[in-house]
Amino acid sequence: MAVSLAPPPRKQPSEAQIEAVINKGGKPTVDDTSSDEAPKHINTRLTKGIISRIDALRAERPRKPGSPKLGISTHDWIVEAVLEKLERDSASKKAPKPAPK
């Protein structure tokens, strides 16, 4: 049976060293300086009726030949719809308003 020696005793840190570690702080775990292009996750709730309508529109999209999957995921369809809405709304703000008569 092999017997090993006990590890040498550790030197206890001083109060000043302990305070230095506590007061040193650290960096935040989340980087708040990220760009606007970094993904941000959100949760949303949609009714079964809305999901059914989305699925019907997704089914109309072309598929890869021989693939049983729809041509676009629900997530991608929703992102695409949001981007289209943002583009449409920003274009309507830029459009000149008719002059009053």
PDB file of N, CA and C in Angstrom:
ATOM      1  N   MET A   1       0.849  -1.173   0.000  1.00  0.00           N
ATOM      2  CA  MET A   1       0.000   0.000   0.000  1.00  0.00           C
ATOM      3  C   MET A   1       0.889   1.229   0.000  1.00  0.00           C
ATOM      4  N   ALA A   2       0.600   2.162  -0.918  1.00  0.00           N
ATOM      5  CA  ALA A   2       1.399   3.383  -1.040  1.00  0.00           C
ATOM      6  C   ALA A   2       0.898   4.410  -0.039  1.00  0.00           C
ATOM      7  N   VAL A   3       1.828   5.078   0.573  1.00  0.00           N
ATOM      8  CA  VAL A   3       1.487   6.130   1.531  1.00  0.00           C
ATOM      9  C   VAL A   3       2.099   7.421   1.022  1.00  0.00           C
ATOM     10  N   SER A   4       1.308   8.476   0.985  1.00  0.00           N
ATOM     11  CA  SER A   4       1.834   9.759   0.533  1.00  0.00           C
ATOM     12  C   SER A   4       1.931  10.703   1.713  1.00  0.00           C
ATOM     13  N   LEU A   5       2.790  11.665   1.553  1.00  0.00           N
ATOM     14  CA  LEU A   5       2.983  12.667   2.606  1.00  0.00           C
ATOM     15  C   LEU A   5       1.866  13.692   2.564  1.00  0.00           C
ATOM     16  N   ALA A   6       1.551  14.253   3.662  1.00  0.00           N
ATOM     17  CA  ALA A   6       0.564  15.326   3.742  1.00  0.00           C
ATOM     18  C   ALA A   6       1.126  16.563   3.062  1.00  0.00           C
ATOM     19  N   PRO A   7       0.285  17.336   2.385  1.00  0.00           N
ATOM     20  CA  PRO A   7       0.790  18.552   1.741  1.00  0.00           C
ATOM     21  C   PRO A   7       1.295  19.536   2.801  1.00  0.00           C
ATOM     22  N   PRO A   8       2.251  20.356   2.401  1.00  0.00           N
ATOM     23  CA  PRO A   8       2.759  21.339   3.373  1.00  0.00           C
ATOM     24  C   PRO A   8       1.659  22.338   3.735  1.00  0.00           C
ATOM     25  N   PRO A   9       1.681  22.840   4.946  1.00  0.00           N
ATOM     26  CA  PRO A   9       0.642  23.799   5.357  1.00  0.00           C
ATOM     27  C   PRO A   9       0.737  25.092   4.538  1.00  0.00           C
ATOM     28  N   ARG A  10      -0.426  25.654   4.203  1.00  0.00           N
ATOM     29  CA  ARG A  10      -0.463  26.900   3.434  1.00  0.00           C
ATOM     30  C   ARG A  10      -0.294  28.081   4.370  1.00  0.00           C
ATOM     31  N   LYS A  11       0.327  29.105   3.810  1.00  0.00           N
ATOM     32  CA  LYS A  11       0.489  30.333   4.566  1.00  0.00           C
ATOM     33  C   LYS A  11      -0.830  31.088   4.523  1.00  0.00           C
ATOM     34  N   GLN A  12      -1.370  31.472   5.648  1.00  0.00           N
ATOM     35  CA  GLN A  12      -2.631  32.196   5.721  1.00  0.00           C
ATOM     36  C   GLN A  12      -2.440  33.629   5.230  1.00  0.00           C
ATOM     37  N   PRO A  13      -3.363  34.117   4.357  1.00  0.00           N
ATOM     38  CA  PRO A  13      -3.227  35.499   3.883  1.00  0.00           C
ATOM     39  C   PRO A  13      -3.508  36.490   5.009  1.00  0.00           C
ATOM     40  N   SER A  14      -2.917  37.644   4.866  1.00  0.00           N
ATOM     41  CA  SER A  14      -3.132  38.687   5.873  1.00  0.00           C
ATOM     42  C   SER A  14      -4.483  39.354   5.626  1.00  0.00           C
ATOM     43  N   GLU A  15      -4.952  40.099   6.604  1.00  0.00           N
ATOM     44  CA  GLU A  15      -6.211  40.848   6.462  1.00  0.00           C
ATOM     45  C   GLU A  15      -6.120  41.845   5.310  1.00  0.00           C
ATOM     46  N   ALA A  16      -4.967  42.446   5.131  1.00  0.00           N
ATOM     47  CA  ALA A  16      -4.778  43.417   4.055  1.00  0.00           C
ATOM     48  C   ALA A  16      -4.917  42.742   2.691  1.00  0.00           C
ATOM     49  N   GLN A  17      -4.372  41.518   2.552  1.00  0.00           N
ATOM     50  CA  GLN A  17      -4.489  40.796   1.293  1.00  0.00           C
ATOM     51  C   GLN A  17      -5.945  40.405   1.031  1.00  0.00           C
ATOM     52  N   ILE A  18      -6.646  39.992   2.065  1.00  0.00           N
ATOM     53  CA  ILE A  18      -8.057  39.632   1.918  1.00  0.00           C
ATOM     54  C   ILE A  18      -8.867  40.850   1.491  1.00  0.00           C
ATOM     55  N   GLU A  19      -8.654  41.985   2.140  1.00  0.00           N
ATOM     56  CA  GLU A  19      -9.363  43.224   1.794  1.00  0.00           C
ATOM     57  C   GLU A  19      -9.038  43.656   0.366  1.00  0.00           C
ATOM     58  N   ALA A  20      -7.786  43.466  -0.054  1.00  0.00           N
ATOM     59  CA  ALA A  20      -7.395  43.850  -1.419  1.00  0.00           C
ATOM     60  C   ALA A  20      -8.168  43.022  -2.451  1.00  0.00           C
ATOM     61  N   VAL A  21      -8.339  41.724  -2.206  1.00  0.00           N
ATOM     62  CA  VAL A  21      -9.078  40.870  -3.134  1.00  0.00           C
ATOM     63  C   VAL A  21     -10.549  41.271  -3.156  1.00  0.00           C
ATOM     64  N   ILE A  22     -11.125  41.530  -1.989  1.00  0.00           N
ATOM     65  CA  ILE A  22     -12.535  41.916  -1.911  1.00  0.00           C
ATOM     66  C   ILE A  22     -12.780  43.240  -2.623  1.00  0.00           C
ATOM     67  N   ASN A  23     -11.925  44.205  -2.425  1.00  0.00           N
ATOM     68  CA  ASN A  23     -12.118  45.542  -2.976  1.00  0.00           C
ATOM     69  C   ASN A  23     -11.670  45.665  -4.433  1.00  0.00           C
ATOM     70  N   LYS A  24     -10.974  44.648  -4.937  1.00  0.00           N
ATOM     71  CA  LYS A  24     -10.494  44.700  -6.313  1.00  0.00           C
ATOM     72  C   LYS A  24     -11.659  44.745  -7.301  1.00  0.00           C
ATOM     73  N   GLY A  25     -12.708  44.041  -7.004  1.00  0.00           N
ATOM     74  CA  GLY A  25     -13.842  44.010  -7.916  1.00  0.00           C
ATOM     75  C   GLY A  25     -13.542  43.124  -9.105  1.00  0.00           C
ATOM     76  N   GLY A  26     -14.353  43.251 -10.096  1.00  0.00           N
ATOM     77  CA  GLY A  26     -14.178  42.442 -11.295  1.00  0.00           C
ATOM     78  C   GLY A  26     -14.935  43.056 -12.443  1.00  0.00           C
ATOM     79  N   LYS A  27     -14.886  42.390 -13.568  1.00  0.00           N
ATOM     80  CA  LYS A  27     -15.609  42.903 -14.718  1.00  0.00           C
ATOM     81  C   LYS A  27     -17.019  42.315 -14.719  1.00  0.00           C
ATOM     82  N   PRO A  28     -17.979  43.026 -15.300  1.00  0.00           N
ATOM     83  CA  PRO A  28     -19.345  42.506 -15.348  1.00  0.00           C
ATOM     84  C   PRO A  28     -19.421  41.271 -16.237  1.00  0.00           C
ATOM     85  N   THR A  29     -20.351  40.387 -15.933  1.00  0.00           N
ATOM     86  CA  THR A  29     -20.487  39.171 -16.734  1.00  0.00           C
ATOM     87  C   THR A  29     -21.163  39.453 -18.065  1.00  0.00           C
ATOM     88  N   VAL A  30     -21.934  40.530 -18.152  1.00  0.00           N
ATOM     89  CA  VAL A  30     -22.612  40.890 -19.390  1.00  0.00           C
ATOM     90  C   VAL A  30     -21.992  42.171 -19.922  1.00  0.00           C
ATOM     91  N   ASP A  31     -21.639  42.155 -21.203  1.00  0.00           N
ATOM     92  CA  ASP A  31     -21.041  43.324 -21.831  1.00  0.00           C
ATOM     93  C   ASP A  31     -22.156  44.213 -22.377  1.00  0.00           C
ATOM     94  N   ASP A  32     -22.399  45.355 -21.732  1.00  0.00           N
ATOM     95  CA  ASP A  32     -23.463  46.258 -22.148  1.00  0.00           C
ATOM     96  C   ASP A  32     -23.069  47.133 -23.328  1.00  0.00           C
ATOM     97  N   THR A  33     -21.832  47.059 -23.752  1.00  0.00           N
ATOM     98  CA  THR A  33     -21.361  47.906 -24.840  1.00  0.00           C
ATOM     99  C   THR A  33     -21.452  47.195 -26.184  1.00  0.00           C
ATOM    100  N   SER A  34     -22.245  46.123 -26.277  1.00  0.00           N
ATOM    101  CA  SER A  34     -22.335  45.382 -27.524  1.00  0.00           C
ATOM    102  C   SER A  34     -23.040  46.224 -28.594  1.00  0.00           C
ATOM    103  N   SER A  35     -22.829  45.829 -29.833  1.00  0.00           N
ATOM    104  CA  SER A  35     -23.389  46.599 -30.942  1.00  0.00           C
ATOM    105  C   SER A  35     -24.889  46.349 -31.080  1.00  0.00           C
ATOM    106  N   ASP A  36     -25.535  47.169 -31.903  1.00  0.00           N
ATOM    107  CA  ASP A  36     -26.960  46.995 -32.165  1.00  0.00           C
ATOM    108  C   ASP A  36     -27.238  45.734 -32.967  1.00  0.00           C
ATOM    109  N   GLU A  37     -26.218  45.171 -33.584  1.00  0.00           N
ATOM    110  CA  GLU A  37     -26.388  43.978 -34.415  1.00  0.00           C
ATOM    111  C   GLU A  37     -26.300  42.690 -33.602  1.00  0.00           C
ATOM    112  N   ALA A  38     -25.938  42.766 -32.328  1.00  0.00           N
ATOM    113  CA  ALA A  38     -25.861  41.562 -31.507  1.00  0.00           C
ATOM    114  C   ALA A  38     -27.272  41.065 -31.207  1.00  0.00           C
ATOM    115  N   PRO A  39     -27.488  39.744 -31.317  1.00  0.00           N
ATOM    116  CA  PRO A  39     -28.844  39.222 -31.078  1.00  0.00           C
ATOM    117  C   PRO A  39     -29.293  39.431 -29.638  1.00  0.00           C
ATOM    118  N   LYS A  40     -30.549  39.756 -29.470  1.00  0.00           N
ATOM    119  CA  LYS A  40     -31.172  39.892 -28.155  1.00  0.00           C
ATOM    120  C   LYS A  40     -32.364  38.961 -28.164  1.00  0.00           C
ATOM    121  N   HIS A  41     -32.456  38.119 -27.179  1.00  0.00           N
ATOM    122  CA  HIS A  41     -33.523  37.129 -27.125  1.00  0.00           C
ATOM    123  C   HIS A  41     -34.746  37.704 -26.425  1.00  0.00           C
ATOM    124  N   ILE A  42     -35.898  37.458 -27.017  1.00  0.00           N
ATOM    125  CA  ILE A  42     -37.160  37.863 -26.408  1.00  0.00           C
ATOM    126  C   ILE A  42     -38.134  36.696 -26.474  1.00  0.00           C
ATOM    127  N   ASN A  43     -39.099  36.701 -25.606  1.00  0.00           N
ATOM    128  CA  ASN A  43     -40.181  35.717 -25.648  1.00  0.00           C
ATOM    129  C   ASN A  43     -41.446  36.434 -26.064  1.00  0.00           C
ATOM    130  N   THR A  44     -42.240  35.761 -26.852  1.00  0.00           N
ATOM    131  CA  THR A  44     -43.511  36.340 -27.276  1.00  0.00           C
ATOM    132  C   THR A  44     -44.569  35.248 -27.238  1.00  0.00           C
ATOM    133  N   ARG A  45     -45.788  35.655 -27.019  1.00  0.00           N
ATOM    134  CA  ARG A  45     -46.896  34.704 -26.985  1.00  0.00           C
ATOM    135  C   ARG A  45     -47.844  35.025 -28.125  1.00  0.00           C
ATOM    136  N   LEU A  46     -48.150  34.008 -28.910  1.00  0.00           N
ATOM    137  CA  LEU A  46     -49.076  34.155 -30.022  1.00  0.00           C
ATOM    138  C   LEU A  46     -50.190  33.128 -29.848  1.00  0.00           C
ATOM    139  N   THR A  47     -51.373  33.479 -30.318  1.00  0.00           N
ATOM    140  CA  THR A  47     -52.494  32.551 -30.208  1.00  0.00           C
ATOM    141  C   THR A  47     -52.332  31.411 -31.214  1.00  0.00           C
ATOM    142  N   LYS A  48     -53.063  30.339 -30.986  1.00  0.00           N
ATOM    143  CA  LYS A  48     -53.024  29.207 -31.924  1.00  0.00           C
ATOM    144  C   LYS A  48     -53.496  29.640 -33.300  1.00  0.00           C
ATOM    145  N   GLY A  49     -54.465  30.556 -33.334  1.00  0.00           N
ATOM    146  CA  GLY A  49     -54.964  31.044 -34.616  1.00  0.00           C
ATOM    147  C   GLY A  49     -53.893  31.765 -35.410  1.00  0.00           C
ATOM    148  N   ILE A  50     -53.121  32.600 -34.748  1.00  0.00           N
ATOM    149  CA  ILE A  50     -52.041  33.324 -35.441  1.00  0.00           C
ATOM    150  C   ILE A  50     -50.983  32.341 -35.929  1.00  0.00           C
ATOM    151  N   ILE A  51     -50.619  31.379 -35.089  1.00  0.00           N
ATOM    152  CA  ILE A  51     -49.622  30.385 -35.493  1.00  0.00           C
ATOM    153  C   ILE A  51     -50.137  29.576 -36.687  1.00  0.00           C
ATOM    154  N   SER A  52     -51.418  29.244 -36.684  1.00  0.00           N
ATOM    155  CA  SER A  52     -51.999  28.499 -37.817  1.00  0.00           C
ATOM    156  C   SER A  52     -51.913  29.314 -39.101  1.00  0.00           C
ATOM    157  N   ARG A  53     -52.200  30.611 -39.004  1.00  0.00           N
ATOM    158  CA  ARG A  53     -52.108  31.475 -40.183  1.00  0.00           C
ATOM    159  C   ARG A  53     -50.664  31.575 -40.682  1.00  0.00           C
ATOM    160  N   ILE A  54     -49.718  31.673 -39.748  1.00  0.00           N
ATOM    161  CA  ILE A  54     -48.298  31.720 -40.125  1.00  0.00           C
ATOM    162  C   ILE A  54     -47.909  30.413 -40.802  1.00  0.00           C
ATOM    163  N   ASP A  55     -48.329  29.280 -40.226  1.00  0.00           N
ATOM    164  CA  ASP A  55     -47.991  27.981 -40.805  1.00  0.00           C
ATOM    165  C   ASP A  55     -48.568  27.833 -42.218  1.00  0.00           C
ATOM    166  N   ALA A  56     -49.783  28.349 -42.434  1.00  0.00           N
ATOM    167  CA  ALA A  56     -50.384  28.278 -43.768  1.00  0.00           C
ATOM    168  C   ALA A  56     -49.555  29.085 -44.770  1.00  0.00           C
ATOM    169  N   LEU A  57     -49.091  30.253 -44.369  1.00  0.00           N
ATOM    170  CA  LEU A  57     -48.257  31.074 -45.254  1.00  0.00           C
ATOM    171  C   LEU A  57     -46.885  30.434 -45.470  1.00  0.00           C
ATOM    172  N   ARG A  58     -46.350  29.811 -44.431  1.00  0.00           N
ATOM    173  CA  ARG A  58     -45.064  29.118 -44.562  1.00  0.00           C
ATOM    174  C   ARG A  58     -45.170  27.961 -45.538  1.00  0.00           C
ATOM    175  N   ALA A  59     -46.318  27.278 -45.525  1.00  0.00           N
ATOM    176  CA  ALA A  59     -46.502  26.119 -46.407  1.00  0.00           C
ATOM    177  C   ALA A  59     -46.515  26.524 -47.875  1.00  0.00           C
ATOM    178  N   GLU A  60     -46.846  27.777 -48.171  1.00  0.00           N
ATOM    179  CA  GLU A  60     -46.864  28.262 -49.552  1.00  0.00           C
ATOM    180  C   GLU A  60     -45.470  28.558 -50.090  1.00  0.00           C
ATOM    181  N   ARG A  61     -44.495  28.673 -49.195  1.00  0.00           N
ATOM    182  CA  ARG A  61     -43.128  28.989 -49.612  1.00  0.00           C
ATOM    183  C   ARG A  61     -42.490  27.767 -50.277  1.00  0.00           C
ATOM    184  N   PRO A  62     -41.582  27.978 -51.232  1.00  0.00           N
ATOM    185  CA  PRO A  62     -40.927  26.844 -51.891  1.00  0.00           C
ATOM    186  C   PRO A  62     -40.058  26.060 -50.914  1.00  0.00           C
ATOM    187  N   ARG A  63     -39.988  24.756 -51.155  1.00  0.00           N
ATOM    188  CA  ARG A  63     -39.156  23.868 -50.331  1.00  0.00           C
ATOM    189  C   ARG A  63     -37.959  23.403 -51.146  1.00  0.00           C
ATOM    190  N   LYS A  64     -36.975  22.847 -50.440  1.00  0.00           N
ATOM    191  CA  LYS A  64     -35.877  22.194 -51.134  1.00  0.00           C
ATOM    192  C   LYS A  64     -36.445  20.931 -51.787  1.00  0.00           C
ATOM    193  N   PRO A  65     -35.995  20.599 -52.963  1.00  0.00           N
ATOM    194  CA  PRO A  65     -36.532  19.410 -53.641  1.00  0.00           C
ATOM    195  C   PRO A  65     -36.390  18.154 -52.770  1.00  0.00           C
ATOM    196  N   GLY A  66     -37.495  17.459 -52.577  1.00  0.00           N
ATOM    197  CA  GLY A  66     -37.501  16.215 -51.813  1.00  0.00           C
ATOM    198  C   GLY A  66     -37.509  16.389 -50.309  1.00  0.00           C
ATOM    199  N   SER A  67     -37.543  17.622 -49.830  1.00  0.00           N
ATOM    200  CA  SER A  67     -37.503  17.856 -48.391  1.00  0.00           C
ATOM    201  C   SER A  67     -38.917  17.878 -47.820  1.00  0.00           C
ATOM    202  N   PRO A  68     -39.127  17.187 -46.695  1.00  0.00           N
ATOM    203  CA  PRO A  68     -40.448  17.229 -46.070  1.00  0.00           C
ATOM    204  C   PRO A  68     -40.665  18.508 -45.248  1.00  0.00           C
ATOM    205  N   LYS A  69     -39.577  19.237 -44.979  1.00  0.00           N
ATOM    206  CA  LYS A  69     -39.676  20.446 -44.159  1.00  0.00           C
ATOM    207  C   LYS A  69     -40.215  21.611 -44.977  1.00  0.00           C
ATOM    208  N   LEU A  70     -40.877  22.522 -44.278  1.00  0.00           N
ATOM    209  CA  LEU A  70     -41.329  23.747 -44.933  1.00  0.00           C
ATOM    210  C   LEU A  70     -40.112  24.579 -45.327  1.00  0.00           C
ATOM    211  N   GLY A  71     -40.316  25.502 -46.251  1.00  0.00           N
ATOM    212  CA  GLY A  71     -39.201  26.271 -46.793  1.00  0.00           C
ATOM    213  C   GLY A  71     -38.610  27.295 -45.841  1.00  0.00           C
ATOM    214  N   ILE A  72     -39.332  27.644 -44.770  1.00  0.00           N
ATOM    215  CA  ILE A  72     -38.855  28.652 -43.835  1.00  0.00           C
ATOM    216  C   ILE A  72     -39.346  28.288 -42.435  1.00  0.00           C
ATOM    217  N   SER A  73     -38.521  28.516 -41.444  1.00  0.00           N
ATOM    218  CA  SER A  73     -38.923  28.216 -40.068  1.00  0.00           C
ATOM    219  C   SER A  73     -39.883  29.288 -39.560  1.00  0.00           C
ATOM    220  N   THR A  74     -40.614  28.944 -38.509  1.00  0.00           N
ATOM    221  CA  THR A  74     -41.531  29.918 -37.907  1.00  0.00           C
ATOM    222  C   THR A  74     -40.755  31.132 -37.415  1.00  0.00           C
ATOM    223  N   HIS A  75     -39.634  30.889 -36.770  1.00  0.00           N
ATOM    224  CA  HIS A  75     -38.809  31.983 -36.251  1.00  0.00           C
ATOM    225  C   HIS A  75     -38.380  32.909 -37.381  1.00  0.00           C
ATOM    226  N   ASP A  76     -37.839  32.322 -38.451  1.00  0.00           N
ATOM    227  CA  ASP A  76     -37.376  33.145 -39.573  1.00  0.00           C
ATOM    228  C   ASP A  76     -38.532  33.896 -40.235  1.00  0.00           C
ATOM    229  N   TRP A  77     -39.699  33.268 -40.318  1.00  0.00           N
ATOM    230  CA  TRP A  77     -40.855  33.931 -40.908  1.00  0.00           C
ATOM    231  C   TRP A  77     -41.246  35.150 -40.080  1.00  0.00           C
ATOM    232  N   ILE A  78     -41.263  34.989 -38.751  1.00  0.00           N
ATOM    233  CA  ILE A  78     -41.631  36.104 -37.863  1.00  0.00           C
ATOM    234  C   ILE A  78     -40.599  37.229 -37.963  1.00  0.00           C
ATOM    235  N   VAL A  79     -39.319  36.890 -37.982  1.00  0.00           N
ATOM    236  CA  VAL A  79     -38.265  37.909 -38.114  1.00  0.00           C
ATOM    237  C   VAL A  79     -38.415  38.636 -39.445  1.00  0.00           C
ATOM    238  N   GLU A  80     -38.673  37.889 -40.510  1.00  0.00           N
ATOM    239  CA  GLU A  80     -38.869  38.493 -41.820  1.00  0.00           C
ATOM    240  C   GLU A  80     -40.068  39.451 -41.805  1.00  0.00           C
ATOM    241  N   ALA A  81     -41.158  39.040 -41.164  1.00  0.00           N
ATOM    242  CA  ALA A  81     -42.356  39.886 -41.087  1.00  0.00           C
ATOM    243  C   ALA A  81     -42.077  41.157 -40.295  1.00  0.00           C
ATOM    244  N   VAL A  82     -41.329  41.045 -39.205  1.00  0.00           N
ATOM    245  CA  VAL A  82     -40.994  42.225 -38.397  1.00  0.00           C
ATOM    246  C   VAL A  82     -40.135  43.189 -39.207  1.00  0.00           C
ATOM    247  N   LEU A  83     -39.150  42.657 -39.931  1.00  0.00           N
ATOM    248  CA  LEU A  83     -38.294  43.522 -40.745  1.00  0.00           C
ATOM    249  C   LEU A  83     -39.089  44.216 -41.851  1.00  0.00           C
ATOM    250  N   GLU A  84     -40.017  43.482 -42.473  1.00  0.00           N
ATOM    251  CA  GLU A  84     -40.860  44.112 -43.492  1.00  0.00           C
ATOM    252  C   GLU A  84     -41.703  45.233 -42.894  1.00  0.00           C
ATOM    253  N   LYS A  85     -42.255  45.016 -41.713  1.00  0.00           N
ATOM    254  CA  LYS A  85     -43.072  46.033 -41.040  1.00  0.00           C
ATOM    255  C   LYS A  85     -42.220  47.257 -40.696  1.00  0.00           C
ATOM    256  N   LEU A  86     -41.020  47.035 -40.180  1.00  0.00           N
ATOM    257  CA  LEU A  86     -40.133  48.159 -39.855  1.00  0.00           C
ATOM    258  C   LEU A  86     -39.796  48.974 -41.104  1.00  0.00           C
ATOM    259  N   GLU A  87     -39.520  48.267 -42.200  1.00  0.00           N
ATOM    260  CA  GLU A  87     -39.189  48.958 -43.448  1.00  0.00           C
ATOM    261  C   GLU A  87     -40.391  49.753 -43.958  1.00  0.00           C
ATOM    262  N   ARG A  88     -41.568  49.153 -43.913  1.00  0.00           N
ATOM    263  CA  ARG A  88     -42.783  49.820 -44.378  1.00  0.00           C
ATOM    264  C   ARG A  88     -43.086  51.058 -43.538  1.00  0.00           C
ATOM    265  N   ASP A  89     -42.975  50.933 -42.216  1.00  0.00           N
ATOM    266  CA  ASP A  89     -43.262  52.078 -41.349  1.00  0.00           C
ATOM    267  C   ASP A  89     -42.234  53.194 -41.514  1.00  0.00           C
ATOM    268  N   SER A  90     -40.963  52.833 -41.674  1.00  0.00           N
ATOM    269  CA  SER A  90     -39.956  53.881 -41.844  1.00  0.00           C
ATOM    270  C   SER A  90     -40.104  54.546 -43.209  1.00  0.00           C
ATOM    271  N   ALA A  91     -40.544  53.807 -44.222  1.00  0.00           N
ATOM    272  CA  ALA A  91     -40.765  54.399 -45.546  1.00  0.00           C
ATOM    273  C   ALA A  91     -41.951  55.346 -45.516  1.00  0.00           C
ATOM    274  N   SER A  92     -42.979  55.013 -44.751  1.00  0.00           N
ATOM    275  CA  SER A  92     -44.153  55.895 -44.695  1.00  0.00           C
ATOM    276  C   SER A  92     -43.832  57.192 -43.953  1.00  0.00           C
ATOM    277  N   LYS A  93     -42.886  57.156 -43.043  1.00  0.00           N
ATOM    278  CA  LYS A  93     -42.487  58.389 -42.346  1.00  0.00           C
ATOM    279  C   LYS A  93     -41.684  59.300 -43.272  1.00  0.00           C
ATOM    280  N   LYS A  94     -40.949  58.698 -44.212  1.00  0.00           N
ATOM    281  CA  LYS A  94     -40.126  59.480 -45.125  1.00  0.00           C
ATOM    282  C   LYS A  94     -40.933  60.031 -46.305  1.00  0.00           C
ATOM    283  N   ALA A  95     -42.078  59.420 -46.588  1.00  0.00           N
ATOM    284  CA  ALA A  95     -42.894  59.849 -47.735  1.00  0.00           C
ATOM    285  C   ALA A  95     -43.417  61.261 -47.491  1.00  0.00           C
ATOM    286  N   PRO A  96     -43.412  62.083 -48.519  1.00  0.00           N
ATOM    287  CA  PRO A  96     -43.920  63.441 -48.336  1.00  0.00           C
ATOM    288  C   PRO A  96     -45.436  63.423 -48.080  1.00  0.00           C
ATOM    289  N   LYS A  97     -45.872  64.243 -47.170  1.00  0.00           N
ATOM    290  CA  LYS A  97     -47.289  64.326 -46.851  1.00  0.00           C
ATOM    291  C   LYS A  97     -47.966  65.268 -47.850  1.00  0.00           C
ATOM    292  N   PRO A  98     -49.189  64.922 -48.268  1.00  0.00           N
ATOM    293  CA  PRO A  98     -49.869  65.793 -49.229  1.00  0.00           C
ATOM    294  C   PRO A  98     -50.156  67.169 -48.611  1.00  0.00           C
ATOM    295  N   ALA A  99     -50.069  68.186 -49.462  1.00  0.00           N
ATOM    296  CA  ALA A  99     -50.306  69.558 -48.992  1.00  0.00           C
ATOM    297  C   ALA A  99     -51.793  69.741 -48.718  1.00  0.00           C
ATOM    298  N   PRO A 100     -52.133  70.472 -47.675  1.00  0.00           N
ATOM    299  CA  PRO A 100     -53.551  70.723 -47.375  1.00  0.00           C
ATOM    300  C   PRO A 100     -54.171  71.607 -48.456  1.00  0.00           C
ATOM    301  N   LYS A 101     -55.446  71.397 -48.747  1.00  0.00           N
ATOM    302  CA  LYS A 101     -56.133  72.184 -49.791  1.00  0.00           C
ATOM    303  C   LYS A 101     -56.871  73.339 -49.217  1.00  0.00           C
TER     304      LYS A 101
END
